[in-house]
Amino acid sequence: MLTFNIAQIAQVRVELNQLRESLDEAIQKQDFTEAADIKKKVTELELHKETLIAELEQMNTVQEVRQEKVSREAKQVLVSILYY
């Protein structure tokens, strides 16, 4: 799942770059209706990217908590071995 989210974020970044290029072209052609449509898509995609990043950060936090718990349990086992 972690790799999937990273790949999704990368794909969204590629799409954003393509849309921004299209936006620049639309502005140069002075097609402001098309530019507005593209800008709307960019905004929606930026929001989607932020959501994916937040999910990824949450997964990383959960993983860190799990690792902390495992580390704590491993320390307890080592202490019990050393003192018994």
N, C-alpha and C. Protein backbone atom coordinates (compact mmCIF):
# COMPACT_ATOMS: atom_id res chain seq x y z
N MET A 1 0.83 -1.19 0.00
CA MET A 1 0.00 0.00 0.00
C MET A 1 0.87 1.26 0.00
N LEU A 2 1.97 1.21 0.74
CA LEU A 2 2.87 2.35 0.83
C LEU A 2 3.45 2.68 -0.55
N THR A 3 3.91 1.65 -1.25
CA THR A 3 4.47 1.83 -2.59
C THR A 3 3.42 2.33 -3.56
N PHE A 4 2.20 1.81 -3.40
CA PHE A 4 1.09 2.23 -4.27
C PHE A 4 0.83 3.72 -4.12
N ASN A 5 0.79 4.22 -2.89
CA ASN A 5 0.55 5.65 -2.65
C ASN A 5 1.67 6.51 -3.23
N ILE A 6 2.90 6.07 -3.09
CA ILE A 6 4.02 6.82 -3.63
C ILE A 6 3.91 6.88 -5.15
N ALA A 7 3.55 5.76 -5.77
CA ALA A 7 3.39 5.73 -7.23
C ALA A 7 2.24 6.65 -7.66
N GLN A 8 1.16 6.65 -6.90
CA GLN A 8 0.03 7.52 -7.21
C GLN A 8 0.43 8.99 -7.13
N ILE A 9 1.17 9.35 -6.10
CA ILE A 9 1.62 10.72 -5.94
C ILE A 9 2.52 11.12 -7.12
N ALA A 10 3.40 10.23 -7.53
CA ALA A 10 4.28 10.51 -8.66
C ALA A 10 3.46 10.72 -9.93
N GLN A 11 2.45 9.88 -10.14
CA GLN A 11 1.59 10.01 -11.32
C GLN A 11 0.85 11.34 -11.30
N VAL A 12 0.35 11.73 -10.16
CA VAL A 12 -0.36 13.01 -10.04
C VAL A 12 0.58 14.17 -10.35
N ARG A 13 1.81 14.08 -9.89
CA ARG A 13 2.79 15.15 -10.17
C ARG A 13 3.06 15.26 -11.67
N VAL A 14 3.15 14.12 -12.35
CA VAL A 14 3.34 14.13 -13.80
C VAL A 14 2.14 14.80 -14.48
N GLU A 15 0.94 14.41 -14.07
CA GLU A 15 -0.27 14.99 -14.64
C GLU A 15 -0.33 16.50 -14.39
N LEU A 16 0.07 16.92 -13.19
CA LEU A 16 0.08 18.35 -12.87
C LEU A 16 1.04 19.11 -13.78
N ASN A 17 2.22 18.53 -14.01
CA ASN A 17 3.19 19.19 -14.90
C ASN A 17 2.62 19.32 -16.31
N GLN A 18 1.96 18.27 -16.79
CA GLN A 18 1.37 18.31 -18.12
C GLN A 18 0.26 19.36 -18.19
N LEU A 19 -0.56 19.41 -17.16
CA LEU A 19 -1.64 20.39 -17.14
C LEU A 19 -1.09 21.82 -17.09
N ARG A 20 -0.04 22.02 -16.34
CA ARG A 20 0.55 23.37 -16.26
C ARG A 20 1.12 23.81 -17.61
N GLU A 21 1.71 22.86 -18.33
CA GLU A 21 2.18 23.18 -19.68
C GLU A 21 1.00 23.54 -20.58
N SER A 22 -0.08 22.78 -20.47
CA SER A 22 -1.28 23.08 -21.26
C SER A 22 -1.86 24.43 -20.87
N LEU A 23 -1.80 24.75 -19.59
CA LEU A 23 -2.29 26.04 -19.11
C LEU A 23 -1.48 27.18 -19.72
N ASP A 24 -0.16 27.03 -19.73
CA ASP A 24 0.70 28.05 -20.34
C ASP A 24 0.37 28.24 -21.82
N GLU A 25 0.16 27.11 -22.51
CA GLU A 25 -0.17 27.18 -23.94
C GLU A 25 -1.51 27.88 -24.15
N ALA A 26 -2.50 27.55 -23.33
CA ALA A 26 -3.82 28.17 -23.45
C ALA A 26 -3.74 29.68 -23.21
N ILE A 27 -2.92 30.07 -22.26
CA ILE A 27 -2.76 31.50 -21.97
C ILE A 27 -2.07 32.20 -23.14
N GLN A 28 -1.05 31.55 -23.70
CA GLN A 28 -0.35 32.14 -24.84
C GLN A 28 -1.28 32.31 -26.04
N LYS A 29 -2.21 31.35 -26.22
CA LYS A 29 -3.19 31.44 -27.31
C LYS A 29 -4.33 32.39 -26.96
N GLN A 30 -4.31 32.86 -25.71
CA GLN A 30 -5.36 33.73 -25.18
C GLN A 30 -6.73 33.04 -25.18
N ASP A 31 -6.68 31.72 -24.98
CA ASP A 31 -7.92 30.95 -24.84
C ASP A 31 -8.20 30.84 -23.34
N PHE A 32 -8.81 31.87 -22.82
CA PHE A 32 -8.98 31.98 -21.38
C PHE A 32 -10.05 31.04 -20.83
N THR A 33 -10.98 30.62 -21.68
CA THR A 33 -11.97 29.63 -21.26
C THR A 33 -11.28 28.29 -21.01
N GLU A 34 -10.44 27.90 -21.98
CA GLU A 34 -9.67 26.66 -21.80
C GLU A 34 -8.73 26.78 -20.61
N ALA A 35 -8.10 27.92 -20.45
CA ALA A 35 -7.18 28.14 -19.33
C ALA A 35 -7.91 27.99 -18.00
N ALA A 36 -9.13 28.51 -17.93
CA ALA A 36 -9.91 28.40 -16.69
C ALA A 36 -10.27 26.95 -16.40
N ASP A 37 -10.62 26.21 -17.45
CA ASP A 37 -10.93 24.78 -17.27
C ASP A 37 -9.70 24.01 -16.78
N ILE A 38 -8.57 24.31 -17.39
CA ILE A 38 -7.33 23.63 -16.99
C ILE A 38 -6.97 24.01 -15.55
N LYS A 39 -7.12 25.28 -15.21
CA LYS A 39 -6.81 25.74 -13.85
C LYS A 39 -7.67 25.02 -12.83
N LYS A 40 -8.94 24.80 -13.18
CA LYS A 40 -9.83 24.06 -12.29
C LYS A 40 -9.33 22.63 -12.09
N LYS A 41 -8.89 21.99 -13.18
CA LYS A 41 -8.35 20.63 -13.08
C LYS A 41 -7.08 20.60 -12.23
N VAL A 42 -6.24 21.61 -12.40
CA VAL A 42 -5.00 21.70 -11.61
C VAL A 42 -5.34 21.80 -10.12
N THR A 43 -6.32 22.64 -9.81
CA THR A 43 -6.72 22.81 -8.41
C THR A 43 -7.24 21.50 -7.83
N GLU A 44 -8.09 20.81 -8.59
CA GLU A 44 -8.64 19.53 -8.12
C GLU A 44 -7.53 18.49 -7.94
N LEU A 45 -6.60 18.46 -8.87
CA LEU A 45 -5.51 17.50 -8.79
C LEU A 45 -4.56 17.82 -7.63
N GLU A 46 -4.33 19.10 -7.38
CA GLU A 46 -3.51 19.51 -6.23
C GLU A 46 -4.15 19.02 -4.93
N LEU A 47 -5.46 19.17 -4.85
CA LEU A 47 -6.18 18.69 -3.66
C LEU A 47 -6.03 17.18 -3.50
N HIS A 48 -6.16 16.47 -4.62
CA HIS A 48 -6.01 15.02 -4.59
C HIS A 48 -4.60 14.63 -4.14
N LYS A 49 -3.61 15.35 -4.65
CA LYS A 49 -2.21 15.09 -4.26
C LYS A 49 -2.02 15.30 -2.76
N GLU A 50 -2.58 16.39 -2.24
CA GLU A 50 -2.46 16.67 -0.81
C GLU A 50 -3.13 15.57 0.02
N THR A 51 -4.25 15.06 -0.45
CA THR A 51 -4.93 13.97 0.24
C THR A 51 -4.06 12.72 0.26
N LEU A 52 -3.47 12.40 -0.88
CA LEU A 52 -2.58 11.23 -0.96
C LEU A 52 -1.38 11.38 -0.03
N ILE A 53 -0.82 12.58 0.01
CA ILE A 53 0.34 12.83 0.88
C ILE A 53 -0.07 12.69 2.35
N ALA A 54 -1.24 13.20 2.69
CA ALA A 54 -1.72 13.08 4.08
C ALA A 54 -1.92 11.61 4.45
N GLU A 55 -2.48 10.83 3.53
CA GLU A 55 -2.67 9.39 3.78
C GLU A 55 -1.33 8.70 3.96
N LEU A 56 -0.37 9.07 3.13
CA LEU A 56 0.97 8.48 3.23
C LEU A 56 1.62 8.82 4.56
N GLU A 57 1.49 10.07 4.99
CA GLU A 57 2.04 10.49 6.28
C GLU A 57 1.37 9.74 7.42
N GLN A 58 0.07 9.53 7.30
CA GLN A 58 -0.66 8.80 8.35
C GLN A 58 -0.17 7.35 8.41
N MET A 59 0.04 6.73 7.24
CA MET A 59 0.54 5.35 7.22
C MET A 59 1.92 5.28 7.83
N ASN A 60 2.76 6.27 7.54
CA ASN A 60 4.11 6.30 8.11
C ASN A 60 4.04 6.43 9.63
N THR A 61 3.11 7.25 10.12
CA THR A 61 2.95 7.42 11.57
C THR A 61 2.52 6.11 12.21
N VAL A 62 1.57 5.43 11.60
CA VAL A 62 1.10 4.14 12.12
C VAL A 62 2.26 3.14 12.14
N GLN A 63 3.05 3.15 11.07
CA GLN A 63 4.19 2.24 10.99
C GLN A 63 5.21 2.56 12.09
N GLU A 64 5.45 3.84 12.33
CA GLU A 64 6.40 4.23 13.38
C GLU A 64 5.90 3.79 14.75
N VAL A 65 4.60 3.92 15.00
CA VAL A 65 4.02 3.49 16.27
C VAL A 65 4.19 1.99 16.44
N ARG A 66 3.95 1.24 15.37
CA ARG A 66 4.12 -0.22 15.44
C ARG A 66 5.58 -0.58 15.73
N GLN A 67 6.51 0.12 15.06
CA GLN A 67 7.92 -0.15 15.29
C GLN A 67 8.31 0.19 16.72
N GLU A 68 7.77 1.27 17.26
CA GLU A 68 8.04 1.66 18.64
C GLU A 68 7.55 0.58 19.59
N LYS A 69 6.36 0.05 19.31
CA LYS A 69 5.80 -1.00 20.17
C LYS A 69 6.67 -2.25 20.12
N VAL A 70 7.11 -2.62 18.92
CA VAL A 70 7.97 -3.80 18.78
C VAL A 70 9.29 -3.58 19.51
N SER A 71 9.85 -2.39 19.37
CA SER A 71 11.11 -2.07 20.06
C SER A 71 10.94 -2.17 21.57
N ARG A 72 9.82 -1.64 22.07
CA ARG A 72 9.56 -1.67 23.51
C ARG A 72 9.42 -3.13 23.98
N GLU A 73 8.70 -3.93 23.20
CA GLU A 73 8.50 -5.33 23.57
C GLU A 73 9.83 -6.09 23.52
N ALA A 74 10.66 -5.78 22.53
CA ALA A 74 11.96 -6.44 22.42
C ALA A 74 12.84 -6.08 23.62
N LYS A 75 12.81 -4.84 24.04
CA LYS A 75 13.57 -4.42 25.22
C LYS A 75 13.10 -5.16 26.46
N GLN A 76 11.79 -5.32 26.59
CA GLN A 76 11.24 -6.03 27.74
C GLN A 76 11.71 -7.48 27.76
N VAL A 77 11.76 -8.10 26.58
CA VAL A 77 12.23 -9.49 26.49
C VAL A 77 13.70 -9.56 26.88
N LEU A 78 14.49 -8.64 26.39
CA LEU A 78 15.92 -8.64 26.72
C LEU A 78 16.14 -8.42 28.21
N VAL A 79 15.40 -7.52 28.82
CA VAL A 79 15.53 -7.27 30.25
C VAL A 79 15.14 -8.51 31.03
N SER A 80 14.07 -9.16 30.62
CA SER A 80 13.65 -10.35 31.33
C SER A 80 14.67 -11.48 31.21
N ILE A 81 15.34 -11.58 30.07
CA ILE A 81 16.36 -12.59 29.86
C ILE A 81 17.59 -12.28 30.74
N LEU A 82 17.95 -11.00 30.78
CA LEU A 82 19.15 -10.62 31.54
C LEU A 82 18.95 -10.78 33.05
N TYR A 83 17.75 -10.56 33.53
CA TYR A 83 17.53 -10.55 34.97
C TYR A 83 16.92 -11.83 35.52
N TYR A 84 16.65 -12.78 34.64
CA TYR A 84 16.07 -14.03 35.15
C TYR A 84 16.92 -15.21 34.86
